[in-house]
Amino acid sequence: MNTNTEQQIDTYLRTLRECLANMTVADREEIIREISVHIRESIEEAGANLGVVLARLGPAEQLATQYTDDVVVRRAVVSISPLRILHATLHLARRGVEGVILFLVAMFGYASGIGLILSALLKSFYPRETGLWVGPHIFDFGFHTSAAFDPTAHEVLGWLYIPIALALGGLFLWLTTHSMRWLLSKMRTRKQPLAANTITAQTVALV
């Protein structure tokens, strides 16, 4: 490769490195090495023009965004932290409708689980306002004020409400966490950065 080509590659990689400034040094340098190798191998082995290779990768800023999202999602996939999972879905929500839906589903699941657990705690302080209310055309589970339900409705669980609400809340949190991890893993597989997909394909071909 001539000097001009090397300068263009260095400029592209420098811009990419600057756009990945929020990543850890290890993650950032691994990506830079990956892209650098990919560009040079594409030019030398496939005989492709540098302009074509860079055009296929896209602007450095756009590629950096793809890798940033991929790292955030990758960490969420192996985590049981609701905050990390919500952070990943929020990242994806900024990129498209599919991400927005995923974020809303995660919010609903976690809000429901936390709400049930809080209502179990409220039962100890407000036993007459918290429970399972049943009556004509009424089936309400949770916290209510005396004016919020029909006078014909009555609470049927009593103190059993506490373990049931805690169990349901925990189940909601568990199901939300594991379903989000699975969905994020599937989405990450489909939306990996172009260079990562290309390198993976090349590796499989060699094997």
N, C-alpha and C. Protein backbone atom coordinates (compact mmCIF):
# COMPACT_ATOMS: atom_id res chain seq x y z
N MET A 1 0.83 -1.21 0.00
CA MET A 1 0.00 0.00 0.00
C MET A 1 0.86 1.25 0.00
N ASN A 2 0.40 2.26 -0.71
CA ASN A 2 1.18 3.48 -0.78
C ASN A 2 0.92 4.37 0.44
N THR A 3 1.72 5.45 0.53
CA THR A 3 1.65 6.34 1.68
C THR A 3 0.28 7.00 1.81
N ASN A 4 -0.31 7.38 0.70
CA ASN A 4 -1.63 8.04 0.72
C ASN A 4 -2.71 7.12 1.29
N THR A 5 -2.64 5.84 0.90
CA THR A 5 -3.61 4.86 1.41
C THR A 5 -3.46 4.69 2.91
N GLU A 6 -2.20 4.58 3.37
CA GLU A 6 -1.94 4.44 4.81
C GLU A 6 -2.46 5.64 5.58
N GLN A 7 -2.29 6.83 5.02
CA GLN A 7 -2.76 8.05 5.69
C GLN A 7 -4.28 8.05 5.80
N GLN A 8 -4.96 7.61 4.74
CA GLN A 8 -6.42 7.55 4.78
C GLN A 8 -6.92 6.55 5.82
N ILE A 9 -6.22 5.41 5.90
CA ILE A 9 -6.59 4.40 6.90
C ILE A 9 -6.37 4.96 8.30
N ASP A 10 -5.23 5.59 8.51
CA ASP A 10 -4.92 6.17 9.82
C ASP A 10 -5.94 7.24 10.22
N THR A 11 -6.35 8.05 9.26
CA THR A 11 -7.34 9.10 9.53
C THR A 11 -8.68 8.47 9.94
N TYR A 12 -9.09 7.44 9.24
CA TYR A 12 -10.35 6.75 9.54
C TYR A 12 -10.29 6.13 10.93
N LEU A 13 -9.19 5.47 11.23
CA LEU A 13 -9.04 4.80 12.54
C LEU A 13 -8.95 5.82 13.67
N ARG A 14 -8.30 6.96 13.41
CA ARG A 14 -8.19 8.00 14.43
C ARG A 14 -9.58 8.58 14.77
N THR A 15 -10.37 8.80 13.73
CA THR A 15 -11.73 9.31 13.94
C THR A 15 -12.57 8.29 14.71
N LEU A 16 -12.41 7.02 14.33
CA LEU A 16 -13.15 5.96 15.01
C LEU A 16 -12.76 5.89 16.48
N ARG A 17 -11.45 5.99 16.76
CA ARG A 17 -10.98 5.95 18.14
C ARG A 17 -11.56 7.11 18.96
N GLU A 18 -11.62 8.28 18.37
CA GLU A 18 -12.18 9.45 19.07
C GLU A 18 -13.66 9.27 19.36
N CYS A 19 -14.37 8.62 18.45
CA CYS A 19 -15.81 8.41 18.64
C CYS A 19 -16.10 7.30 19.65
N LEU A 20 -15.10 6.49 19.94
CA LEU A 20 -15.25 5.41 20.92
C LEU A 20 -14.65 5.79 22.28
N ALA A 21 -14.50 7.08 22.52
CA ALA A 21 -13.82 7.56 23.73
C ALA A 21 -14.51 7.13 25.02
N ASN A 22 -15.83 6.87 24.98
CA ASN A 22 -16.55 6.49 26.20
C ASN A 22 -16.37 5.02 26.57
N MET A 23 -15.76 4.25 25.70
CA MET A 23 -15.51 2.83 25.99
C MET A 23 -14.27 2.66 26.86
N THR A 24 -14.11 1.46 27.39
CA THR A 24 -12.88 1.15 28.09
C THR A 24 -11.75 1.08 27.06
N VAL A 25 -10.54 1.31 27.51
CA VAL A 25 -9.39 1.28 26.60
C VAL A 25 -9.27 -0.08 25.92
N ALA A 26 -9.49 -1.16 26.69
CA ALA A 26 -9.36 -2.51 26.14
C ALA A 26 -10.37 -2.75 25.02
N ASP A 27 -11.63 -2.39 25.26
CA ASP A 27 -12.66 -2.57 24.24
C ASP A 27 -12.38 -1.72 23.00
N ARG A 28 -11.98 -0.47 23.25
CA ARG A 28 -11.73 0.45 22.14
C ARG A 28 -10.57 -0.04 21.26
N GLU A 29 -9.47 -0.43 21.88
CA GLU A 29 -8.31 -0.85 21.10
C GLU A 29 -8.55 -2.18 20.39
N GLU A 30 -9.38 -3.03 20.98
CA GLU A 30 -9.71 -4.29 20.31
C GLU A 30 -10.49 -4.01 19.02
N ILE A 31 -11.42 -3.06 19.09
CA ILE A 31 -12.20 -2.69 17.91
C ILE A 31 -11.31 -2.06 16.85
N ILE A 32 -10.41 -1.17 17.29
CA ILE A 32 -9.50 -0.51 16.33
C ILE A 32 -8.63 -1.55 15.63
N ARG A 33 -8.12 -2.51 16.38
CA ARG A 33 -7.30 -3.58 15.77
C ARG A 33 -8.13 -4.39 14.77
N GLU A 34 -9.35 -4.70 15.16
CA GLU A 34 -10.24 -5.49 14.31
C GLU A 34 -10.51 -4.78 12.98
N ILE A 35 -10.83 -3.51 13.07
CA ILE A 35 -11.14 -2.74 11.86
C ILE A 35 -9.89 -2.54 11.01
N SER A 36 -8.76 -2.27 11.66
CA SER A 36 -7.50 -2.07 10.94
C SER A 36 -7.14 -3.32 10.13
N VAL A 37 -7.22 -4.49 10.78
CA VAL A 37 -6.91 -5.75 10.09
C VAL A 37 -7.90 -5.99 8.96
N HIS A 38 -9.16 -5.72 9.23
CA HIS A 38 -10.20 -5.94 8.21
C HIS A 38 -9.95 -5.08 6.96
N ILE A 39 -9.62 -3.82 7.18
CA ILE A 39 -9.38 -2.92 6.04
C ILE A 39 -8.18 -3.39 5.23
N ARG A 40 -7.07 -3.68 5.91
CA ARG A 40 -5.85 -4.05 5.21
C ARG A 40 -5.99 -5.40 4.49
N GLU A 41 -6.65 -6.36 5.14
CA GLU A 41 -6.83 -7.66 4.49
C GLU A 41 -7.75 -7.56 3.28
N SER A 42 -8.77 -6.70 3.39
CA SER A 42 -9.70 -6.52 2.26
C SER A 42 -8.98 -5.94 1.06
N ILE A 43 -8.06 -5.02 1.33
CA ILE A 43 -7.32 -4.39 0.23
C ILE A 43 -6.30 -5.35 -0.37
N GLU A 44 -5.54 -6.04 0.47
CA GLU A 44 -4.44 -6.87 -0.02
C GLU A 44 -4.92 -8.21 -0.60
N GLU A 45 -5.89 -8.88 0.09
CA GLU A 45 -6.29 -10.21 -0.35
C GLU A 45 -7.37 -10.16 -1.42
N ALA A 46 -8.35 -9.28 -1.23
CA ALA A 46 -9.45 -9.22 -2.20
C ALA A 46 -9.17 -8.23 -3.32
N GLY A 47 -8.13 -7.42 -3.15
CA GLY A 47 -7.79 -6.44 -4.16
C GLY A 47 -8.80 -5.32 -4.28
N ALA A 48 -9.52 -5.07 -3.20
CA ALA A 48 -10.56 -4.04 -3.23
C ALA A 48 -9.94 -2.66 -3.09
N ASN A 49 -10.62 -1.68 -3.64
CA ASN A 49 -10.20 -0.30 -3.52
C ASN A 49 -10.53 0.20 -2.12
N LEU A 50 -9.64 1.02 -1.55
CA LEU A 50 -9.84 1.52 -0.19
C LEU A 50 -11.17 2.26 -0.07
N GLY A 51 -11.49 3.05 -1.07
CA GLY A 51 -12.75 3.79 -1.03
C GLY A 51 -13.95 2.87 -0.93
N VAL A 52 -13.90 1.74 -1.63
CA VAL A 52 -14.99 0.77 -1.58
C VAL A 52 -15.09 0.14 -0.19
N VAL A 53 -13.93 -0.22 0.39
CA VAL A 53 -13.90 -0.83 1.72
C VAL A 53 -14.47 0.12 2.76
N LEU A 54 -14.04 1.37 2.73
CA LEU A 54 -14.51 2.35 3.71
C LEU A 54 -15.99 2.68 3.51
N ALA A 55 -16.42 2.69 2.27
CA ALA A 55 -17.83 2.96 1.99
C ALA A 55 -18.71 1.85 2.55
N ARG A 56 -18.19 0.62 2.47
CA ARG A 56 -18.95 -0.52 2.99
C ARG A 56 -19.02 -0.48 4.51
N LEU A 57 -17.94 -0.03 5.14
CA LEU A 57 -17.94 0.11 6.60
C LEU A 57 -18.84 1.26 7.04
N GLY A 58 -18.94 2.29 6.23
CA GLY A 58 -19.71 3.47 6.59
C GLY A 58 -18.84 4.49 7.30
N PRO A 59 -19.36 5.70 7.52
CA PRO A 59 -18.60 6.73 8.24
C PRO A 59 -18.14 6.22 9.60
N ALA A 60 -16.97 6.69 10.03
CA ALA A 60 -16.42 6.24 11.31
C ALA A 60 -17.38 6.51 12.46
N GLU A 61 -18.08 7.65 12.41
CA GLU A 61 -19.02 8.01 13.47
C GLU A 61 -20.17 7.00 13.56
N GLN A 62 -20.67 6.59 12.40
CA GLN A 62 -21.77 5.63 12.36
C GLN A 62 -21.31 4.26 12.84
N LEU A 63 -20.12 3.85 12.41
CA LEU A 63 -19.58 2.56 12.83
C LEU A 63 -19.34 2.54 14.34
N ALA A 64 -18.87 3.66 14.89
CA ALA A 64 -18.64 3.76 16.33
C ALA A 64 -19.94 3.59 17.10
N THR A 65 -21.02 4.17 16.59
CA THR A 65 -22.33 4.03 17.24
C THR A 65 -22.77 2.58 17.26
N GLN A 66 -22.55 1.88 16.14
CA GLN A 66 -22.92 0.46 16.07
C GLN A 66 -22.14 -0.36 17.10
N TYR A 67 -20.84 -0.09 17.21
CA TYR A 67 -20.02 -0.83 18.16
C TYR A 67 -20.37 -0.48 19.61
N THR A 68 -20.68 0.79 19.87
CA THR A 68 -21.07 1.19 21.21
C THR A 68 -22.34 0.46 21.64
N ASP A 69 -23.33 0.43 20.76
CA ASP A 69 -24.56 -0.29 21.04
C ASP A 69 -24.29 -1.77 21.26
N ASP A 70 -23.40 -2.33 20.44
CA ASP A 70 -23.10 -3.76 20.53
C ASP A 70 -22.45 -4.10 21.88
N VAL A 71 -21.55 -3.25 22.35
CA VAL A 71 -20.89 -3.50 23.63
C VAL A 71 -21.90 -3.41 24.78
N VAL A 72 -22.78 -2.38 24.74
CA VAL A 72 -23.78 -2.21 25.79
C VAL A 72 -24.72 -3.42 25.84
N VAL A 73 -25.16 -3.87 24.67
CA VAL A 73 -26.07 -5.02 24.60
C VAL A 73 -25.37 -6.29 25.04
N ARG A 74 -24.11 -6.46 24.62
CA ARG A 74 -23.34 -7.66 24.98
C ARG A 74 -23.21 -7.79 26.50
N ARG A 75 -22.99 -6.67 27.18
CA ARG A 75 -22.88 -6.71 28.63
C ARG A 75 -24.22 -7.01 29.29
N ALA A 76 -25.30 -6.50 28.70
CA ALA A 76 -26.63 -6.75 29.26
C ALA A 76 -27.03 -8.21 29.11
N VAL A 77 -26.61 -8.84 28.02
CA VAL A 77 -26.98 -10.22 27.74
C VAL A 77 -26.46 -11.17 28.82
N VAL A 78 -25.32 -10.87 29.41
CA VAL A 78 -24.72 -11.74 30.43
C VAL A 78 -24.95 -11.21 31.85
N SER A 79 -25.83 -10.23 31.99
CA SER A 79 -26.06 -9.60 33.28
C SER A 79 -27.46 -9.93 33.80
N ILE A 80 -27.62 -9.88 35.14
CA ILE A 80 -28.95 -10.03 35.74
C ILE A 80 -29.39 -8.71 36.36
N SER A 81 -28.67 -7.64 36.06
CA SER A 81 -28.99 -6.33 36.61
C SER A 81 -30.10 -5.67 35.79
N PRO A 82 -31.26 -5.37 36.38
CA PRO A 82 -32.32 -4.67 35.65
C PRO A 82 -31.85 -3.33 35.10
N LEU A 83 -31.00 -2.62 35.85
CA LEU A 83 -30.52 -1.32 35.39
C LEU A 83 -29.68 -1.46 34.11
N ARG A 84 -28.82 -2.47 34.08
CA ARG A 84 -27.99 -2.67 32.89
C ARG A 84 -28.84 -3.09 31.69
N ILE A 85 -29.84 -3.92 31.94
CA ILE A 85 -30.72 -4.36 30.86
C ILE A 85 -31.56 -3.19 30.34
N LEU A 86 -32.09 -2.37 31.25
CA LEU A 86 -32.85 -1.19 30.84
C LEU A 86 -31.97 -0.21 30.08
N HIS A 87 -30.71 -0.07 30.50
CA HIS A 87 -29.78 0.80 29.81
C HIS A 87 -29.57 0.34 28.37
N ALA A 88 -29.45 -0.98 28.19
CA ALA A 88 -29.27 -1.52 26.84
C ALA A 88 -30.50 -1.30 25.97
N THR A 89 -31.69 -1.54 26.54
CA THR A 89 -32.91 -1.35 25.76
C THR A 89 -33.13 0.13 25.44
N LEU A 90 -32.72 1.02 26.35
CA LEU A 90 -32.83 2.45 26.09
C LEU A 90 -31.90 2.86 24.95
N HIS A 91 -30.70 2.28 24.92
CA HIS A 91 -29.76 2.52 23.83
C HIS A 91 -30.39 2.15 22.49
N LEU A 92 -31.02 0.97 22.46
CA LEU A 92 -31.63 0.50 21.22
C LEU A 92 -32.88 1.30 20.86
N ALA A 93 -33.56 1.82 21.88
CA ALA A 93 -34.78 2.61 21.62
C ALA A 93 -34.46 3.87 20.84
N ARG A 94 -33.22 4.36 20.97
CA ARG A 94 -32.82 5.55 20.23
C ARG A 94 -32.54 5.26 18.76
N ARG A 95 -32.49 3.96 18.41
CA ARG A 95 -32.10 3.58 17.05
C ARG A 95 -33.26 3.14 16.18
N GLY A 96 -34.42 2.85 16.79
CA GLY A 96 -35.52 2.39 15.95
C GLY A 96 -36.72 1.91 16.73
N VAL A 97 -37.79 1.58 16.00
CA VAL A 97 -39.06 1.18 16.61
C VAL A 97 -38.90 -0.12 17.39
N GLU A 98 -38.12 -1.06 16.86
CA GLU A 98 -37.92 -2.34 17.53
C GLU A 98 -37.33 -2.13 18.92
N GLY A 99 -36.37 -1.23 19.03
CA GLY A 99 -35.77 -0.92 20.32
C GLY A 99 -36.76 -0.26 21.26
N VAL A 100 -37.62 0.61 20.73
CA VAL A 100 -38.64 1.28 21.55
C VAL A 100 -39.58 0.24 22.17
N ILE A 101 -40.02 -0.71 21.35
CA ILE A 101 -40.91 -1.76 21.83
C ILE A 101 -40.23 -2.58 22.93
N LEU A 102 -38.97 -2.93 22.70
CA LEU A 102 -38.22 -3.71 23.69
C LEU A 102 -38.10 -2.95 25.00
N PHE A 103 -37.82 -1.65 24.91
CA PHE A 103 -37.69 -0.82 26.11
C PHE A 103 -39.02 -0.75 26.87
N LEU A 104 -40.12 -0.58 26.17
CA LEU A 104 -41.44 -0.49 26.81
C LEU A 104 -41.83 -1.80 27.48
N VAL A 105 -41.51 -2.93 26.83
CA VAL A 105 -41.81 -4.24 27.42
C VAL A 105 -40.99 -4.44 28.70
N ALA A 106 -39.71 -4.06 28.65
CA ALA A 106 -38.85 -4.18 29.84
C ALA A 106 -39.36 -3.29 30.97
N MET A 107 -39.75 -2.06 30.64
CA MET A 107 -40.28 -1.15 31.65
C MET A 107 -41.54 -1.70 32.29
N PHE A 108 -42.44 -2.25 31.46
CA PHE A 108 -43.68 -2.81 31.98
C PHE A 108 -43.39 -3.98 32.92
N GLY A 109 -42.51 -4.89 32.49
CA GLY A 109 -42.20 -6.06 33.31
C GLY A 109 -41.58 -5.69 34.64
N TYR A 110 -40.57 -4.81 34.61
CA TYR A 110 -39.91 -4.43 35.86
C TYR A 110 -40.83 -3.59 36.76
N ALA A 111 -41.62 -2.70 36.15
CA ALA A 111 -42.55 -1.88 36.94
C ALA A 111 -43.60 -2.77 37.62
N SER A 112 -44.09 -3.77 36.91
CA SER A 112 -45.08 -4.68 37.48
C SER A 112 -44.49 -5.46 38.65
N GLY A 113 -43.28 -5.98 38.45
CA GLY A 113 -42.63 -6.75 39.52
C GLY A 113 -42.37 -5.92 40.76
N ILE A 114 -41.81 -4.72 40.56
CA ILE A 114 -41.52 -3.85 41.69
C ILE A 114 -42.82 -3.40 42.36
N GLY A 115 -43.86 -3.11 41.55
CA GLY A 115 -45.15 -2.69 42.11
C GLY A 115 -45.76 -3.76 42.99
N LEU A 116 -45.69 -5.00 42.57
CA LEU A 116 -46.23 -6.10 43.37
C LEU A 116 -45.48 -6.26 44.68
N ILE A 117 -44.17 -6.15 44.63
CA ILE A 117 -43.37 -6.27 45.85
C ILE A 117 -43.68 -5.12 46.81
N LEU A 118 -43.81 -3.91 46.29
CA LEU A 118 -44.15 -2.76 47.13
C LEU A 118 -45.54 -2.91 47.75
N SER A 119 -46.47 -3.46 46.95
CA SER A 119 -47.82 -3.64 47.50
C SER A 119 -47.82 -4.67 48.64
N ALA A 120 -46.94 -5.68 48.56
CA ALA A 120 -46.83 -6.65 49.65
C ALA A 120 -46.35 -5.96 50.93
N LEU A 121 -45.42 -5.02 50.78
CA LEU A 121 -44.95 -4.27 51.94
C LEU A 121 -46.04 -3.35 52.49
N LEU A 122 -46.84 -2.77 51.60
CA LEU A 122 -47.91 -1.88 52.04
C LEU A 122 -49.00 -2.62 52.81
N LYS A 123 -49.17 -3.90 52.54
CA LYS A 123 -50.19 -4.69 53.24
C LYS A 123 -49.98 -4.64 54.75
N SER A 124 -48.74 -4.58 55.19
CA SER A 124 -48.45 -4.53 56.63
C SER A 124 -48.92 -3.23 57.26
N PHE A 125 -48.92 -2.14 56.49
CA PHE A 125 -49.28 -0.82 57.02
C PHE A 125 -50.73 -0.44 56.70
N TYR A 126 -51.23 -0.94 55.57
CA TYR A 126 -52.60 -0.63 55.17
C TYR A 126 -53.33 -1.93 54.82
N PRO A 127 -53.60 -2.77 55.84
CA PRO A 127 -54.20 -4.08 55.56
C PRO A 127 -55.60 -4.01 54.95
N ARG A 128 -56.36 -2.95 55.27
CA ARG A 128 -57.72 -2.85 54.75
C ARG A 128 -57.77 -2.31 53.32
N GLU A 129 -56.71 -1.66 52.89
CA GLU A 129 -56.69 -1.06 51.55
C GLU A 129 -55.90 -1.89 50.54
N THR A 130 -55.22 -2.94 51.01
CA THR A 130 -54.36 -3.73 50.12
C THR A 130 -54.81 -5.18 50.09
N GLY A 131 -54.94 -5.74 48.90
CA GLY A 131 -55.34 -7.13 48.78
C GLY A 131 -55.94 -7.46 47.44
N LEU A 132 -56.67 -8.59 47.39
CA LEU A 132 -57.39 -9.02 46.19
C LEU A 132 -58.87 -8.76 46.41
N TRP A 133 -59.40 -7.78 45.67
CA TRP A 133 -60.79 -7.38 45.84
C TRP A 133 -61.65 -8.04 44.77
N VAL A 134 -62.69 -8.75 45.24
CA VAL A 134 -63.58 -9.48 44.35
C VAL A 134 -65.02 -9.05 44.61
N GLY A 135 -65.77 -8.88 43.54
CA GLY A 135 -67.17 -8.50 43.64
C GLY A 135 -67.82 -8.58 42.28
N PRO A 136 -69.06 -8.14 42.14
CA PRO A 136 -69.72 -8.14 40.83
C PRO A 136 -68.92 -7.33 39.81
N HIS A 137 -68.42 -8.01 38.80
CA HIS A 137 -67.63 -7.37 37.74
C HIS A 137 -66.36 -6.71 38.28
N ILE A 138 -65.85 -7.19 39.42
CA ILE A 138 -64.66 -6.60 40.03
C ILE A 138 -63.65 -7.70 40.34
N PHE A 139 -62.41 -7.48 39.94
CA PHE A 139 -61.30 -8.37 40.29
C PHE A 139 -60.04 -7.50 40.31
N ASP A 140 -59.77 -6.90 41.46
CA ASP A 140 -58.66 -5.95 41.58
C ASP A 140 -57.61 -6.49 42.54
N PHE A 141 -56.37 -6.39 42.10
CA PHE A 141 -55.25 -6.90 42.90
C PHE A 141 -54.31 -5.74 43.17
N GLY A 142 -54.16 -5.35 44.44
CA GLY A 142 -53.23 -4.28 44.75
C GLY A 142 -53.73 -3.36 45.85
N PHE A 143 -53.35 -2.09 45.74
CA PHE A 143 -53.67 -1.09 46.77
C PHE A 143 -54.83 -0.22 46.31
N HIS A 144 -55.81 0.01 47.20
CA HIS A 144 -56.98 0.82 46.89
C HIS A 144 -57.35 1.66 48.11
N THR A 145 -57.94 2.82 47.84
CA THR A 145 -58.55 3.58 48.93
C THR A 145 -59.99 3.11 49.07
N SER A 146 -60.59 3.38 50.19
CA SER A 146 -61.94 2.87 50.46
C SER A 146 -62.96 3.36 49.44
N ALA A 147 -62.70 4.54 48.82
CA ALA A 147 -63.66 5.09 47.86
C ALA A 147 -63.41 4.60 46.44
N ALA A 148 -62.39 3.79 46.25
CA ALA A 148 -61.99 3.43 44.90
C ALA A 148 -62.69 2.18 44.39
N PHE A 149 -63.37 1.44 45.27
CA PHE A 149 -64.02 0.21 44.82
C PHE A 149 -65.46 0.13 45.29
N ASP A 150 -66.21 -0.73 44.64
CA ASP A 150 -67.62 -0.91 44.95
C ASP A 150 -67.78 -1.44 46.38
N PRO A 151 -68.74 -0.93 47.14
CA PRO A 151 -68.94 -1.41 48.52
C PRO A 151 -69.32 -2.88 48.60
N THR A 152 -69.76 -3.45 47.50
CA THR A 152 -70.10 -4.87 47.52
C THR A 152 -68.86 -5.76 47.36
N ALA A 153 -67.74 -5.17 46.96
CA ALA A 153 -66.51 -5.95 46.80
C ALA A 153 -65.91 -6.29 48.17
N HIS A 154 -65.24 -7.42 48.25
CA HIS A 154 -64.60 -7.80 49.50
C HIS A 154 -63.23 -8.39 49.23
N GLU A 155 -62.35 -8.26 50.19
CA GLU A 155 -60.97 -8.74 50.06
C GLU A 155 -60.93 -10.21 50.47
N VAL A 156 -60.30 -11.07 49.63
CA VAL A 156 -60.40 -12.51 49.83
C VAL A 156 -59.12 -13.20 50.31
N LEU A 157 -57.98 -12.52 50.22
CA LEU A 157 -56.72 -13.19 50.55
C LEU A 157 -56.27 -12.96 51.98
N GLY A 158 -56.60 -11.82 52.54
CA GLY A 158 -56.10 -11.50 53.88
C GLY A 158 -54.59 -11.39 53.89
N TRP A 159 -53.96 -11.95 54.92
CA TRP A 159 -52.50 -11.85 55.04
C TRP A 159 -51.75 -12.75 54.06
N LEU A 160 -52.50 -13.66 53.40
CA LEU A 160 -51.86 -14.46 52.34
C LEU A 160 -51.44 -13.59 51.16
N TYR A 161 -51.98 -12.38 51.13
CA TYR A 161 -51.63 -11.48 50.03
C TYR A 161 -50.13 -11.21 49.99
N ILE A 162 -49.50 -11.12 51.16
CA ILE A 162 -48.07 -10.76 51.22
C ILE A 162 -47.20 -11.78 50.50
N PRO A 163 -47.25 -13.09 50.88
CA PRO A 163 -46.38 -14.04 50.15
C PRO A 163 -46.75 -14.19 48.68
N ILE A 164 -48.06 -14.09 48.37
CA ILE A 164 -48.47 -14.23 46.97
C ILE A 164 -47.96 -13.05 46.15
N ALA A 165 -48.09 -11.84 46.67
CA ALA A 165 -47.61 -10.66 45.93
C ALA A 165 -46.10 -10.68 45.79
N LEU A 166 -45.38 -11.12 46.84
CA LEU A 166 -43.93 -11.20 46.76
C LEU A 166 -43.50 -12.23 45.71
N ALA A 167 -44.20 -13.38 45.70
CA ALA A 167 -43.87 -14.42 44.73
C ALA A 167 -44.14 -13.95 43.30
N LEU A 168 -45.30 -13.30 43.08
CA LEU A 168 -45.63 -12.80 41.75
C LEU A 168 -44.66 -11.70 41.31
N GLY A 169 -44.31 -10.82 42.26
CA GLY A 169 -43.35 -9.76 41.94
C GLY A 169 -42.01 -10.32 41.54
N GLY A 170 -41.53 -11.30 42.31
CA GLY A 170 -40.26 -11.94 41.98
C GLY A 170 -40.32 -12.66 40.64
N LEU A 171 -41.47 -13.29 40.36
CA LEU A 171 -41.64 -13.99 39.08
C LEU A 171 -41.60 -13.01 37.91
N PHE A 172 -42.26 -11.86 38.07
CA PHE A 172 -42.24 -10.84 37.02
C PHE A 172 -40.81 -10.37 36.76
N LEU A 173 -40.05 -10.12 37.83
CA LEU A 173 -38.68 -9.66 37.67
C LEU A 173 -37.82 -10.71 36.98
N TRP A 174 -37.98 -11.97 37.40
CA TRP A 174 -37.19 -13.06 36.82
C TRP A 174 -37.52 -13.25 35.34
N LEU A 175 -38.82 -13.31 35.03
CA LEU A 175 -39.24 -13.50 33.65
C LEU A 175 -38.80 -12.34 32.76
N THR A 176 -38.92 -11.12 33.27
CA THR A 176 -38.52 -9.95 32.49
C THR A 176 -37.03 -9.98 32.20
N THR A 177 -36.23 -10.27 33.23
CA THR A 177 -34.78 -10.30 33.07
C THR A 177 -34.36 -11.34 32.04
N HIS A 178 -34.86 -12.55 32.18
CA HIS A 178 -34.42 -13.63 31.28
C HIS A 178 -34.98 -13.48 29.87
N SER A 179 -36.20 -12.98 29.75
CA SER A 179 -36.74 -12.77 28.40
C SER A 179 -36.02 -11.63 27.69
N MET A 180 -35.67 -10.57 28.43
CA MET A 180 -34.93 -9.45 27.84
C MET A 180 -33.53 -9.88 27.42
N ARG A 181 -32.88 -10.70 28.23
CA ARG A 181 -31.55 -11.19 27.87
C ARG A 181 -31.62 -12.01 26.58
N TRP A 182 -32.65 -12.85 26.46
CA TRP A 182 -32.81 -13.67 25.26
C TRP A 182 -33.09 -12.80 24.05
N LEU A 183 -34.00 -11.83 24.19
CA LEU A 183 -34.35 -10.96 23.07
C LEU A 183 -33.17 -10.08 22.65
N LEU A 184 -32.42 -9.57 23.64
CA LEU A 184 -31.25 -8.75 23.32
C LEU A 184 -30.19 -9.57 22.60
N SER A 185 -30.04 -10.83 23.01
CA SER A 185 -29.07 -11.71 22.36
C SER A 185 -29.45 -11.94 20.90
N LYS A 186 -30.75 -12.16 20.64
CA LYS A 186 -31.21 -12.37 19.27
C LYS A 186 -31.02 -11.09 18.44
N MET A 187 -31.34 -9.95 19.03
CA MET A 187 -31.20 -8.69 18.32
C MET A 187 -29.74 -8.38 18.03
N ARG A 188 -28.86 -8.69 18.99
CA ARG A 188 -27.43 -8.43 18.81
C ARG A 188 -26.88 -9.28 17.67
N THR A 189 -27.33 -10.53 17.56
CA THR A 189 -26.87 -11.41 16.50
C THR A 189 -27.23 -10.85 15.13
N ARG A 190 -28.43 -10.25 15.04
CA ARG A 190 -28.88 -9.72 13.76
C ARG A 190 -28.29 -8.37 13.43
N LYS A 191 -27.87 -7.61 14.48
CA LYS A 191 -27.47 -6.23 14.24
C LYS A 191 -26.02 -5.96 14.60
N GLN A 192 -25.17 -6.98 14.54
CA GLN A 192 -23.75 -6.75 14.78
C GLN A 192 -23.19 -5.82 13.71
N PRO A 193 -22.17 -5.02 14.05
CA PRO A 193 -21.56 -4.13 13.05
C PRO A 193 -21.12 -4.89 11.83
N LEU A 194 -21.14 -4.22 10.68
CA LEU A 194 -20.81 -4.84 9.40
C LEU A 194 -19.44 -5.51 9.42
N ALA A 195 -18.45 -4.84 9.98
CA ALA A 195 -17.10 -5.41 9.98
C ALA A 195 -17.06 -6.70 10.79
N ALA A 196 -17.76 -6.72 11.91
CA ALA A 196 -17.78 -7.91 12.75
C ALA A 196 -18.42 -9.08 12.01
N ASN A 197 -19.51 -8.82 11.29
CA ASN A 197 -20.17 -9.87 10.52
C ASN A 197 -19.26 -10.37 9.40
N THR A 198 -18.57 -9.45 8.75
CA THR A 198 -17.70 -9.82 7.64
C THR A 198 -16.54 -10.68 8.13
N ILE A 199 -15.94 -10.28 9.23
CA ILE A 199 -14.81 -11.03 9.78
C ILE A 199 -15.24 -12.41 10.23
N THR A 200 -16.44 -12.50 10.85
CA THR A 200 -16.97 -13.79 11.26
C THR A 200 -17.18 -14.71 10.06
N ALA A 201 -17.73 -14.14 9.00
CA ALA A 201 -17.98 -14.92 7.79
C ALA A 201 -16.67 -15.43 7.19
N GLN A 202 -15.65 -14.58 7.22
CA GLN A 202 -14.34 -14.97 6.67
C GLN A 202 -13.75 -16.11 7.50
N THR A 203 -13.91 -16.03 8.82
CA THR A 203 -13.37 -17.07 9.70
C THR A 203 -14.06 -18.41 9.45
N VAL A 204 -15.40 -18.38 9.33
CA VAL A 204 -16.15 -19.61 9.06
C VAL A 204 -15.73 -20.22 7.73
N ALA A 205 -15.51 -19.37 6.73
CA ALA A 205 -15.11 -19.85 5.42
C ALA A 205 -13.77 -20.57 5.47
N LEU A 206 -12.85 -20.03 6.27
CA LEU A 206 -11.52 -20.64 6.39
C LEU A 206 -11.60 -22.00 7.08
N VAL A 207 -12.50 -22.13 8.06
CA VAL A 207 -12.65 -23.39 8.77
C VAL A 207 -13.28 -24.44 7.85
